[in-house]
Every structure is written in structure tokens, then in C-alpha cells.
């Protein structure tokens, strides 16, 4: 990419010299033809680069499927913001970096956006995502709390706060935020994840039957959330319901054999059938 840019700059520098030369008037048509050729070349190269970017994005999406983290899937819509002394450019870059899995790069861009437009709600929310997905939970929590101060009904921000509280072991606050997201029921994905994370909270607290209830509701709302099969199986197993656990893991593997969580269901089946523990 650097070599390509350098080549174009060299051609432009040459043309600049020709335009400034005493013979420029007689060379006018040739200079025009060269400028048109450069413009067409740039457009063609940009089209190729756009295709490569789309191909890279597709590979990133496939890479994300390999992850077995329970962190919320990034779902923020592409930002549409009025420019504020350049802040929108950095907000757009932040969104793109998160979509590509470059959370550190997103954090840098979004901090620049907030330096230009303090308290921009989109920048604050996206910064929270970038920090949470880097496991910078205290920083991410602060950003999402800023969002909720302005938008108490923002269900996605609320489940992210609930998830962070879960990871920090602040179970009471996690239950409060996740339960409120369920009551709001304003975003289907937020409602789905709120049930799943409540299941994880109760599983962490050894309240296995409550955990089972929330994982079962999760699968009713989103049968493709394969990690819920895996965790439901664990809730059954640790509650002494080993037959139910085995069947749940079989169901999880059958639901999607190629999903990392489906493979985890298969792996845990092998482990327990050999006398191990999940």
C-alpha cells in the first residue's frame, strides 16, 4: 500500500513540475491525459482495496465464531452522526475497528473522538464496547454508566453493565441490571442475553435450578445461542441431574456441530463419559 501511494505521489510530483514549467501551455493536453489516467487508476485500486476489505471483514466474522467467550456480541449499528469538528471521522473509525476485532485501535480512535466532542453518546457507548471486549471492565463500566445516566432505557448498555458486574463478581448489581433489561424488553438481543447472563449469575452462586430456568428461557428465545446448551448442561450436572446434562450437551452439539460451543458440548461429553468432570 505504501509503495502504491508513493508511485502515485511521484507521478503527481512530476505533473506538478510540468504544470509549473514554461512549456506547460503546449503540454496542456498531455498533462490532462495523464491526470485522467491517474484518476482512473486510483478509482480502480480503491475498488480492489474495498473488495479486499470486505474479504477481510468476512474472515474476521469467521474468526469471531472461534471465540468461546460469553461476552456480548457487538451489535451497535454503523454510526450516522453529524460532524463535530472532525469527531464523526473518529467515531466511524472506532466502529470499524470494533467490527474488525481491533478493540485497542477502536479505543484510540474513540478517545480522539471524545477529545473533540466530549460526552458524544455514540462515542461513549462504542468506547464502552471497546474497553469491555478488552476485559478493561472498570473502564467499560464507567462508559456504560455514563450512557445509562442519559438513556436509562438503553437495554444494550444495561446488559453490558450486567455482564461486567457478573465478571467482577458483583452479583446483586448484575441481577438488578439484567432483570431491568428483561422488564424493558425493548431490544430482542438484549432480552436474550439478559436471560443468559442471569443464568450465569445463578450458576456462579450455585443456585442451579434458577440457572436452569434462565438458560431454558434463553434457548426458547434464541435456539441458536449454543453456549446456553453448554451452560444448561453444567447447571444440570452440578445439580446432580446427570442424564439431563448429557442429553443437553448432545442437543447442543446436534444444534450446530461447527460452532465452537457445539464443539465444547461434544468435548465435555467425552470428558464426563471418561469419568471426568465438566
C-alpha atoms as a PDB file:
ATOM      1  CA  UNK A   1       0.000   0.000   0.000  1.00  0.00           C
ATOM      2  CA  UNK A   2       2.840   2.410   0.839  1.00  0.00           C
ATOM      3  CA  UNK A   3       4.612   1.574  -2.437  1.00  0.00           C
ATOM      4  CA  UNK A   4       1.390   2.184  -4.379  1.00  0.00           C
ATOM      5  CA  UNK A   5       0.844   5.550  -2.710  1.00  0.00           C
ATOM      6  CA  UNK A   6       4.468   6.526  -3.307  1.00  0.00           C
ATOM      7  CA  UNK A   7       4.116   5.696  -7.002  1.00  0.00           C
ATOM      8  CA  UNK A   8       1.057   7.924  -7.359  1.00  0.00           C
ATOM      9  CA  UNK A   9       2.758  10.734  -5.443  1.00  0.00           C
ATOM     10  CA  UNK A  10       5.773  10.502  -7.744  1.00  0.00           C
ATOM     11  CA  UNK A  11       3.534  10.818 -10.798  1.00  0.00           C
ATOM     12  CA  UNK A  12       1.718  13.778  -9.258  1.00  0.00           C
ATOM     13  CA  UNK A  13       5.007  15.474  -8.380  1.00  0.00           C
ATOM     14  CA  UNK A  14       6.159  15.037 -11.964  1.00  0.00           C
ATOM     15  CA  UNK A  15       2.932  16.571 -13.235  1.00  0.00           C
ATOM     16  CA  UNK A  16       3.276  19.458 -10.788  1.00  0.00           C
ATOM     17  CA  UNK A  17       6.718  20.177 -12.239  1.00  0.00           C
ATOM     18  CA  UNK A  18       5.355  20.060 -15.800  1.00  0.00           C
ATOM     19  CA  UNK A  19       2.480  22.397 -14.921  1.00  0.00           C
ATOM     20  CA  UNK A  20       4.974  24.861 -13.464  1.00  0.00           C
ATOM     21  CA  UNK A  21       7.294  24.677 -16.469  1.00  0.00           C
ATOM     22  CA  UNK A  22       7.426  27.385 -19.180  1.00  0.00           C
ATOM     23  CA  UNK A  23       6.229  24.794 -21.734  1.00  0.00           C
ATOM     24  CA  UNK A  24       3.079  23.957 -19.729  1.00  0.00           C
ATOM     25  CA  UNK A  25       0.696  25.587 -22.232  1.00  0.00           C
ATOM     26  CA  UNK A  26       1.908  23.474 -25.131  1.00  0.00           C
ATOM     27  CA  UNK A  27       1.923  20.384 -22.850  1.00  0.00           C
ATOM     28  CA  UNK A  28      -1.637  21.023 -21.640  1.00  0.00           C
ATOM     29  CA  UNK A  29      -3.393  18.130 -23.412  1.00  0.00           C
ATOM     30  CA  UNK A  30      -0.766  15.587 -22.396  1.00  0.00           C
ATOM     31  CA  UNK A  31      -0.967  16.723 -18.771  1.00  0.00           C
ATOM     32  CA  UNK A  32      -4.759  16.402 -18.875  1.00  0.00           C
ATOM     33  CA  UNK A  33      -4.495  12.858 -20.260  1.00  0.00           C
ATOM     34  CA  UNK A  34      -2.038  11.926 -17.515  1.00  0.00           C
ATOM     35  CA  UNK A  35      -4.325  13.317 -14.793  1.00  0.00           C
ATOM     36  CA  UNK A  36      -7.267  11.354 -16.186  1.00  0.00           C
ATOM     37  CA  UNK A  37      -5.136   8.199 -16.240  1.00  0.00           C
ATOM     38  CA  UNK A  38      -4.097   8.730 -12.609  1.00  0.00           C
ATOM     39  CA  UNK A  39      -7.722   9.323 -11.567  1.00  0.00           C
ATOM     40  CA  UNK A  40      -8.882   6.143 -13.258  1.00  0.00           C
ATOM     41  CA  UNK A  41      -6.020   4.186 -11.722  1.00  0.00           C
ATOM     42  CA  UNK A  42      -6.850   5.457  -8.236  1.00  0.00           C
ATOM     43  CA  UNK A  43     -10.532   4.535  -8.667  1.00  0.00           C
ATOM     44  CA  UNK A  44      -9.618   1.033  -9.842  1.00  0.00           C
ATOM     45  CA  UNK A  45      -7.187   0.492  -6.969  1.00  0.00           C
ATOM     46  CA  UNK A  46      -9.742   1.758  -4.444  1.00  0.00           C
ATOM     47  CA  UNK A  47     -12.291  -0.714  -5.810  1.00  0.00           C
ATOM     48  CA  UNK A  48      -9.790  -3.560  -5.371  1.00  0.00           C
ATOM     49  CA  UNK A  49      -8.947  -2.401  -1.846  1.00  0.00           C
ATOM     50  CA  UNK A  50     -12.668  -2.192  -0.976  1.00  0.00           C
ATOM     51  CA  UNK A  51     -13.082  -5.802  -2.114  1.00  0.00           C
ATOM     52  CA  UNK A  52     -10.088  -6.862  -0.029  1.00  0.00           C
ATOM     53  CA  UNK A  53     -11.557  -5.040   2.974  1.00  0.00           C
ATOM     54  CA  UNK A  54     -14.862  -6.921   2.554  1.00  0.00           C
ATOM     55  CA  UNK A  55     -12.975 -10.222   2.301  1.00  0.00           C
ATOM     56  CA  UNK A  56     -11.018  -9.370   5.458  1.00  0.00           C
ATOM     57  CA  UNK A  57     -14.260  -8.499   7.255  1.00  0.00           C
ATOM     58  CA  UNK A  58     -15.716 -11.887   6.273  1.00  0.00           C
ATOM     59  CA  UNK A  59     -12.654 -13.616   7.719  1.00  0.00           C
ATOM     60  CA  UNK A  60     -12.982 -11.570  10.921  1.00  0.00           C
ATOM     61  CA  UNK A  61     -16.583 -12.748  11.246  1.00  0.00           C
ATOM     62  CA  UNK A  62     -15.389 -16.340  10.861  1.00  0.00           C
ATOM     63  CA  UNK A  63     -12.638 -15.718  13.427  1.00  0.00           C
ATOM     64  CA  UNK A  64     -15.198 -14.359  15.895  1.00  0.00           C
ATOM     65  CA  UNK A  65     -17.064 -17.670  15.612  1.00  0.00           C
ATOM     66  CA  UNK A  66     -13.965 -19.392  17.017  1.00  0.00           C
ATOM     67  CA  UNK A  67     -14.210 -17.428  20.252  1.00  0.00           C
ATOM     68  CA  UNK A  68     -15.761 -19.124  23.251  1.00  0.00           C
ATOM     69  CA  UNK A  69     -16.100 -16.039  25.398  1.00  0.00           C
ATOM     70  CA  UNK A  70     -19.513 -15.270  26.824  1.00  0.00           C
ATOM     71  CA  UNK A  71     -19.038 -11.546  26.215  1.00  0.00           C
ATOM     72  CA  UNK A  72     -21.923  -9.804  24.466  1.00  0.00           C
ATOM     73  CA  UNK A  73     -21.702  -9.940  20.695  1.00  0.00           C
ATOM     74  CA  UNK A  74     -21.039  -6.466  19.292  1.00  0.00           C
ATOM     75  CA  UNK A  75     -24.325  -5.288  17.772  1.00  0.00           C
ATOM     76  CA  UNK A  76     -24.079  -1.499  17.563  1.00  0.00           C
ATOM     77  CA  UNK A  77     -25.368  -0.118  14.261  1.00  0.00           C
ATOM     78  CA  UNK A  78     -22.984   1.742  11.977  1.00  0.00           C
ATOM     79  CA  UNK A  79     -22.931   5.294  13.373  1.00  0.00           C
ATOM     80  CA  UNK A  80     -24.638   8.106  11.495  1.00  0.00           C
ATOM     81  CA  UNK A  81     -23.530  11.322  13.182  1.00  0.00           C
ATOM     82  CA  UNK A  82     -23.374  14.983  12.290  1.00  0.00           C
ATOM     83  CA  UNK A  83     -19.758  16.071  12.107  1.00  0.00           C
ATOM     84  CA  UNK A  84     -18.492  17.875  15.170  1.00  0.00           C
ATOM     85  CA  UNK A  85     -15.076  19.349  14.367  1.00  0.00           C
ATOM     86  CA  UNK A  86     -13.932  16.005  12.994  1.00  0.00           C
ATOM     87  CA  UNK A  87     -15.271  13.778  15.758  1.00  0.00           C
ATOM     88  CA  UNK A  88     -17.530  11.794  13.400  1.00  0.00           C
ATOM     89  CA  UNK A  89     -14.490  10.518  11.496  1.00  0.00           C
ATOM     90  CA  UNK A  90     -13.043   9.008  14.671  1.00  0.00           C
ATOM     91  CA  UNK A  91     -16.430   7.589  15.736  1.00  0.00           C
ATOM     92  CA  UNK A  92     -16.730   5.862  12.367  1.00  0.00           C
ATOM     93  CA  UNK A  93     -13.165   4.552  12.695  1.00  0.00           C
ATOM     94  CA  UNK A  94     -13.922   3.296  16.204  1.00  0.00           C
ATOM     95  CA  UNK A  95     -16.980   1.399  14.987  1.00  0.00           C
ATOM     96  CA  UNK A  96     -14.988  -0.103  12.103  1.00  0.00           C
ATOM     97  CA  UNK A  97     -12.147  -1.196  14.395  1.00  0.00           C
ATOM     98  CA  UNK A  98     -14.563  -2.933  16.786  1.00  0.00           C
ATOM     99  CA  UNK A  99     -16.302  -4.657  13.871  1.00  0.00           C
ATOM    100  CA  UNK A 100     -12.896  -5.947  12.743  1.00  0.00           C
ATOM    101  CA  UNK A 101     -11.967  -7.145  16.236  1.00  0.00           C
ATOM    102  CA  UNK A 102      -9.325  -4.432  16.740  1.00  0.00           C
ATOM    103  CA  UNK A 103     -10.542  -3.250  20.143  1.00  0.00           C
ATOM    104  CA  UNK A 104      -7.339  -1.436  21.092  1.00  0.00           C
ATOM    105  CA  UNK A 105      -7.394   0.513  17.826  1.00  0.00           C
ATOM    106  CA  UNK A 106     -11.039   1.354  18.455  1.00  0.00           C
ATOM    107  CA  UNK A 107     -10.225   2.684  21.910  1.00  0.00           C
ATOM    108  CA  UNK A 108      -7.587   5.037  20.469  1.00  0.00           C
ATOM    109  CA  UNK A 109      -9.962   6.375  17.795  1.00  0.00           C
ATOM    110  CA  UNK A 110     -12.878   6.834  20.189  1.00  0.00           C
ATOM    111  CA  UNK A 111     -10.771   8.660  22.764  1.00  0.00           C
ATOM    112  CA  UNK A 112      -9.813  11.074  19.969  1.00  0.00           C
ATOM    113  CA  UNK A 113     -13.499  11.498  19.144  1.00  0.00           C
ATOM    114  CA  UNK A 114     -14.312  12.309  22.761  1.00  0.00           C
ATOM    115  CA  UNK A 115     -11.437  14.783  22.943  1.00  0.00           C
ATOM    116  CA  UNK A 116     -13.165  16.665  20.116  1.00  0.00           C
ATOM    117  CA  UNK A 117     -16.763  16.086  21.247  1.00  0.00           C
ATOM    118  CA  UNK A 118     -16.917  15.296  24.978  1.00  0.00           C
ATOM    119  CA  UNK A 119     -19.936  13.236  26.029  1.00  0.00           C
ATOM    120  CA  UNK A 120     -20.940  12.301  22.474  1.00  0.00           C
ATOM    121  CA  UNK A 121     -23.314   9.406  23.294  1.00  0.00           C
ATOM    122  CA  UNK A 122     -22.263   7.196  20.364  1.00  0.00           C
ATOM    123  CA  UNK A 123     -18.577   7.641  21.121  1.00  0.00           C
ATOM    124  CA  UNK A 124     -19.118   6.904  24.816  1.00  0.00           C
ATOM    125  CA  UNK A 125     -21.124   3.754  24.073  1.00  0.00           C
ATOM    126  CA  UNK A 126     -18.647   2.461  21.499  1.00  0.00           C
ATOM    127  CA  UNK A 127     -15.739   3.180  23.839  1.00  0.00           C
ATOM    128  CA  UNK A 128     -17.502   1.077  26.477  1.00  0.00           C
ATOM    129  CA  UNK A 129     -17.749  -1.808  23.991  1.00  0.00           C
ATOM    130  CA  UNK A 130     -14.063  -1.495  23.046  1.00  0.00           C
ATOM    131  CA  UNK A 131     -12.946  -1.497  26.677  1.00  0.00           C
ATOM    132  CA  UNK A 132     -15.272  -4.288  27.778  1.00  0.00           C
ATOM    133  CA  UNK A 133     -14.120  -6.521  24.926  1.00  0.00           C
ATOM    134  CA  UNK A 134     -10.525  -5.955  26.062  1.00  0.00           C
ATOM    135  CA  UNK A 135     -11.618  -7.007  29.575  1.00  0.00           C
ATOM    136  CA  UNK A 136     -10.988  -3.475  30.866  1.00  0.00           C
ATOM    137  CA  UNK A 137     -14.075  -3.886  32.972  1.00  0.00           C
ATOM    138  CA  UNK A 138     -13.747  -0.868  35.258  1.00  0.00           C
ATOM    139  CA  UNK A 139     -13.234   1.467  32.308  1.00  0.00           C
ATOM    140  CA  UNK A 140     -16.047  -0.100  30.298  1.00  0.00           C
ATOM    141  CA  UNK A 141     -18.377   0.041  33.286  1.00  0.00           C
ATOM    142  CA  UNK A 142     -17.773   3.767  33.643  1.00  0.00           C
ATOM    143  CA  UNK A 143     -18.656   4.391  29.979  1.00  0.00           C
ATOM    144  CA  UNK A 144     -21.876   2.369  30.082  1.00  0.00           C
ATOM    145  CA  UNK A 145     -22.922   4.072  33.305  1.00  0.00           C
ATOM    146  CA  UNK A 146     -22.473   7.397  31.510  1.00  0.00           C
ATOM    147  CA  UNK A 147     -24.763   6.104  28.765  1.00  0.00           C
ATOM    148  CA  UNK A 148     -27.410   4.985  31.282  1.00  0.00           C
ATOM    149  CA  UNK A 149     -27.369   8.330  33.049  1.00  0.00           C
ATOM    150  CA  UNK A 150     -28.542   9.884  29.773  1.00  0.00           C
ATOM    151  CA  UNK A 151     -30.585   6.931  28.484  1.00  0.00           C
ATOM    152  CA  UNK A 152     -31.973   4.786  31.341  1.00  0.00           C
ATOM    153  CA  UNK A 153     -33.915   2.744  28.784  1.00  0.00           C
ATOM    154  CA  UNK A 154     -30.855   1.728  26.767  1.00  0.00           C
ATOM    155  CA  UNK A 155     -31.218  -2.040  27.110  1.00  0.00           C
ATOM    156  CA  UNK A 156     -27.929  -2.965  25.426  1.00  0.00           C
ATOM    157  CA  UNK A 157     -25.943  -0.670  27.711  1.00  0.00           C
ATOM    158  CA  UNK A 158     -27.774  -2.166  30.680  1.00  0.00           C
ATOM    159  CA  UNK A 159     -26.990  -5.782  29.799  1.00  0.00           C
ATOM    160  CA  UNK A 160     -23.374  -4.802  29.236  1.00  0.00           C
ATOM    161  CA  UNK A 161     -23.300  -3.343  32.744  1.00  0.00           C
ATOM    162  CA  UNK A 162     -24.881  -6.565  33.987  1.00  0.00           C
ATOM    163  CA  UNK A 163     -22.248  -8.649  32.199  1.00  0.00           C
ATOM    164  CA  UNK A 164     -19.400  -6.563  33.624  1.00  0.00           C
ATOM    165  CA  UNK A 165     -20.869  -6.842  37.123  1.00  0.00           C
ATOM    166  CA  UNK A 166     -21.059 -10.614  36.601  1.00  0.00           C
ATOM    167  CA  UNK A 167     -17.386 -10.727  35.600  1.00  0.00           C
ATOM    168  CA  UNK A 168     -16.423  -8.592  38.612  1.00  0.00           C
ATOM    169  CA  UNK A 169     -18.443 -10.824  40.970  1.00  0.00           C
ATOM    170  CA  UNK A 170     -20.913  -8.051  41.867  1.00  0.00           C
ATOM    171  CA  UNK A 171     -23.853 -10.402  41.568  1.00  0.00           C
ATOM    172  CA  UNK A 172     -26.508  -8.238  43.238  1.00  0.00           C
ATOM    173  CA  UNK A 173     -25.971  -5.379  40.802  1.00  0.00           C
ATOM    174  CA  UNK A 174     -25.755  -7.814  37.902  1.00  0.00           C
ATOM    175  CA  UNK A 175     -29.180  -9.237  38.801  1.00  0.00           C
ATOM    176  CA  UNK A 176     -30.630  -5.748  39.163  1.00  0.00           C
ATOM    177  CA  UNK A 177     -29.474  -4.548  35.732  1.00  0.00           C
ATOM    178  CA  UNK A 178     -30.240  -7.760  33.869  1.00  0.00           C
ATOM    179  CA  UNK A 179     -33.698  -8.057  35.413  1.00  0.00           C
ATOM    180  CA  UNK A 180     -34.445  -4.478  34.433  1.00  0.00           C
ATOM    181  CA  UNK A 181     -33.379  -5.186  30.852  1.00  0.00           C
ATOM    182  CA  UNK A 182     -35.837  -8.075  30.771  1.00  0.00           C
ATOM    183  CA  UNK A 183     -38.613  -5.835  32.123  1.00  0.00           C
ATOM    184  CA  UNK A 184     -37.807  -3.189  29.499  1.00  0.00           C
ATOM    185  CA  UNK A 185     -37.963  -5.819  26.733  1.00  0.00           C
ATOM    186  CA  UNK A 186     -37.098  -3.086  24.224  1.00  0.00           C
ATOM    187  CA  UNK A 187     -34.382  -4.937  22.351  1.00  0.00           C
ATOM    188  CA  UNK A 188     -34.697  -8.608  21.406  1.00  0.00           C
ATOM    189  CA  UNK A 189     -30.965  -9.336  21.614  1.00  0.00           C
ATOM    190  CA  UNK A 190     -30.656  -7.537  24.943  1.00  0.00           C
ATOM    191  CA  UNK A 191     -33.555  -9.567  26.358  1.00  0.00           C
ATOM    192  CA  UNK A 192     -31.945 -12.781  25.107  1.00  0.00           C
ATOM    193  CA  UNK A 193     -28.562 -12.025  26.664  1.00  0.00           C
ATOM    194  CA  UNK A 194     -30.139 -10.760  29.887  1.00  0.00           C
ATOM    195  CA  UNK A 195     -31.664 -14.213  30.422  1.00  0.00           C
ATOM    196  CA  UNK A 196     -28.380 -15.922  29.551  1.00  0.00           C
ATOM    197  CA  UNK A 197     -26.307 -13.787  31.917  1.00  0.00           C
ATOM    198  CA  UNK A 198     -28.801 -14.239  34.725  1.00  0.00           C
ATOM    199  CA  UNK A 199     -28.351 -17.962  34.204  1.00  0.00           C
ATOM    200  CA  UNK A 200     -24.606 -17.488  34.569  1.00  0.00           C
ATOM    201  CA  UNK A 201     -25.075 -15.393  37.715  1.00  0.00           C
ATOM    202  CA  UNK A 202     -27.163 -18.089  39.388  1.00  0.00           C
ATOM    203  CA  UNK A 203     -24.784 -20.800  38.182  1.00  0.00           C
ATOM    204  CA  UNK A 204     -21.893 -18.911  39.805  1.00  0.00           C
ATOM    205  CA  UNK A 205     -23.912 -18.736  43.038  1.00  0.00           C
ATOM    206  CA  UNK A 206     -24.670 -22.497  42.930  1.00  0.00           C
ATOM    207  CA  UNK A 207     -28.391 -21.766  42.544  1.00  0.00           C
ATOM    208  CA  UNK A 208     -28.681 -24.454  39.905  1.00  0.00           C
ATOM    209  CA  UNK A 209     -32.435 -24.666  39.462  1.00  0.00           C
ATOM    210  CA  UNK A 210     -32.713 -20.895  38.978  1.00  0.00           C
ATOM    211  CA  UNK A 211     -29.848 -21.108  36.485  1.00  0.00           C
ATOM    212  CA  UNK A 212     -31.665 -23.864  34.607  1.00  0.00           C
ATOM    213  CA  UNK A 213     -34.803 -21.723  34.370  1.00  0.00           C
ATOM    214  CA  UNK A 214     -32.950 -18.815  32.777  1.00  0.00           C
ATOM    215  CA  UNK A 215     -30.944 -20.994  30.377  1.00  0.00           C
ATOM    216  CA  UNK A 216     -34.155 -22.724  29.291  1.00  0.00           C
ATOM    217  CA  UNK A 217     -35.769 -19.324  28.658  1.00  0.00           C
ATOM    218  CA  UNK A 218     -32.651 -18.294  26.752  1.00  0.00           C
ATOM    219  CA  UNK A 219     -32.965 -21.259  24.405  1.00  0.00           C
ATOM    220  CA  UNK A 220     -36.682 -20.581  23.946  1.00  0.00           C
ATOM    221  CA  UNK A 221     -35.822 -17.017  22.865  1.00  0.00           C
ATOM    222  CA  UNK A 222     -32.704 -17.875  20.864  1.00  0.00           C
ATOM    223  CA  UNK A 223     -32.181 -21.531  19.953  1.00  0.00           C
ATOM    224  CA  UNK A 224     -29.000 -20.596  18.068  1.00  0.00           C
ATOM    225  CA  UNK A 225     -27.224 -19.344  21.196  1.00  0.00           C
ATOM    226  CA  UNK A 226     -25.345 -22.633  21.532  1.00  0.00           C
ATOM    227  CA  UNK A 227     -23.451 -21.535  24.644  1.00  0.00           C
ATOM    228  CA  UNK A 228     -26.758 -21.761  26.514  1.00  0.00           C
ATOM    229  CA  UNK A 229     -26.839 -25.526  25.854  1.00  0.00           C
ATOM    230  CA  UNK A 230     -23.340 -25.853  27.266  1.00  0.00           C
ATOM    231  CA  UNK A 231     -24.147 -23.869  30.416  1.00  0.00           C
ATOM    232  CA  UNK A 232     -27.544 -25.521  30.904  1.00  0.00           C
ATOM    233  CA  UNK A 233     -25.780 -28.879  30.808  1.00  0.00           C
ATOM    234  CA  UNK A 234     -23.426 -27.674  33.529  1.00  0.00           C
ATOM    235  CA  UNK A 235     -26.370 -26.456  35.633  1.00  0.00           C
ATOM    236  CA  UNK A 236     -27.945 -29.905  35.359  1.00  0.00           C
ATOM    237  CA  UNK A 237     -24.677 -31.712  36.078  1.00  0.00           C
ATOM    238  CA  UNK A 238     -23.806 -29.777  39.213  1.00  0.00           C
ATOM    239  CA  UNK A 239     -27.375 -30.234  40.441  1.00  0.00           C
ATOM    240  CA  UNK A 240     -26.950 -33.998  40.230  1.00  0.00           C
ATOM    241  CA  UNK A 241     -29.143 -34.343  37.101  1.00  0.00           C
ATOM    242  CA  UNK A 242     -26.527 -36.123  35.030  1.00  0.00           C
ATOM    243  CA  UNK A 243     -28.835 -37.716  32.468  1.00  0.00           C
ATOM    244  CA  UNK A 244     -30.376 -34.311  31.687  1.00  0.00           C
ATOM    245  CA  UNK A 245     -26.888 -32.813  31.418  1.00  0.00           C
ATOM    246  CA  UNK A 246     -25.730 -35.444  28.930  1.00  0.00           C
ATOM    247  CA  UNK A 247     -28.823 -35.006  26.776  1.00  0.00           C
ATOM    248  CA  UNK A 248     -28.478 -31.217  26.801  1.00  0.00           C
ATOM    249  CA  UNK A 249     -24.866 -31.400  25.611  1.00  0.00           C
ATOM    250  CA  UNK A 250     -25.900 -33.859  22.900  1.00  0.00           C
ATOM    251  CA  UNK A 251     -28.612 -31.409  21.821  1.00  0.00           C
ATOM    252  CA  UNK A 252     -26.110 -28.556  21.794  1.00  0.00           C
ATOM    253  CA  UNK A 253     -23.709 -30.459  19.581  1.00  0.00           C
ATOM    254  CA  UNK A 254     -26.514 -31.537  17.261  1.00  0.00           C
ATOM    255  CA  UNK A 255     -27.802 -27.948  17.020  1.00  0.00           C
ATOM    256  CA  UNK A 256     -24.537 -26.757  15.484  1.00  0.00           C
ATOM    257  CA  UNK A 257     -21.587 -29.115  15.166  1.00  0.00           C
ATOM    258  CA  UNK A 258     -19.359 -26.391  13.710  1.00  0.00           C
ATOM    259  CA  UNK A 259     -19.967 -23.752  16.373  1.00  0.00           C
ATOM    260  CA  UNK A 260     -17.167 -23.561  18.988  1.00  0.00           C
ATOM    261  CA  UNK A 261     -19.758 -24.008  21.744  1.00  0.00           C
ATOM    262  CA  UNK A 262     -21.200 -27.015  19.925  1.00  0.00           C
ATOM    263  CA  UNK A 263     -17.701 -28.476  19.899  1.00  0.00           C
ATOM    264  CA  UNK A 264     -17.365 -27.700  23.610  1.00  0.00           C
ATOM    265  CA  UNK A 265     -20.565 -29.659  24.197  1.00  0.00           C
ATOM    266  CA  UNK A 266     -19.010 -32.610  22.357  1.00  0.00           C
ATOM    267  CA  UNK A 267     -15.753 -32.253  24.297  1.00  0.00           C
ATOM    268  CA  UNK A 268     -17.458 -32.181  27.680  1.00  0.00           C
ATOM    269  CA  UNK A 269     -19.449 -35.295  26.732  1.00  0.00           C
ATOM    270  CA  UNK A 270     -16.187 -37.128  26.093  1.00  0.00           C
ATOM    271  CA  UNK A 271     -14.746 -35.830  29.366  1.00  0.00           C
ATOM    272  CA  UNK A 272     -17.626 -36.958  31.558  1.00  0.00           C
ATOM    273  CA  UNK A 273     -18.063 -40.270  29.772  1.00  0.00           C
ATOM    274  CA  UNK A 274     -14.411 -40.984  30.650  1.00  0.00           C
ATOM    275  CA  UNK A 275     -15.151 -40.260  34.308  1.00  0.00           C
ATOM    276  CA  UNK A 276     -14.042 -36.619  34.379  1.00  0.00           C
ATOM    277  CA  UNK A 277     -15.889 -33.502  35.492  1.00  0.00           C
ATOM    278  CA  UNK A 278     -17.036 -30.599  33.311  1.00  0.00           C
END
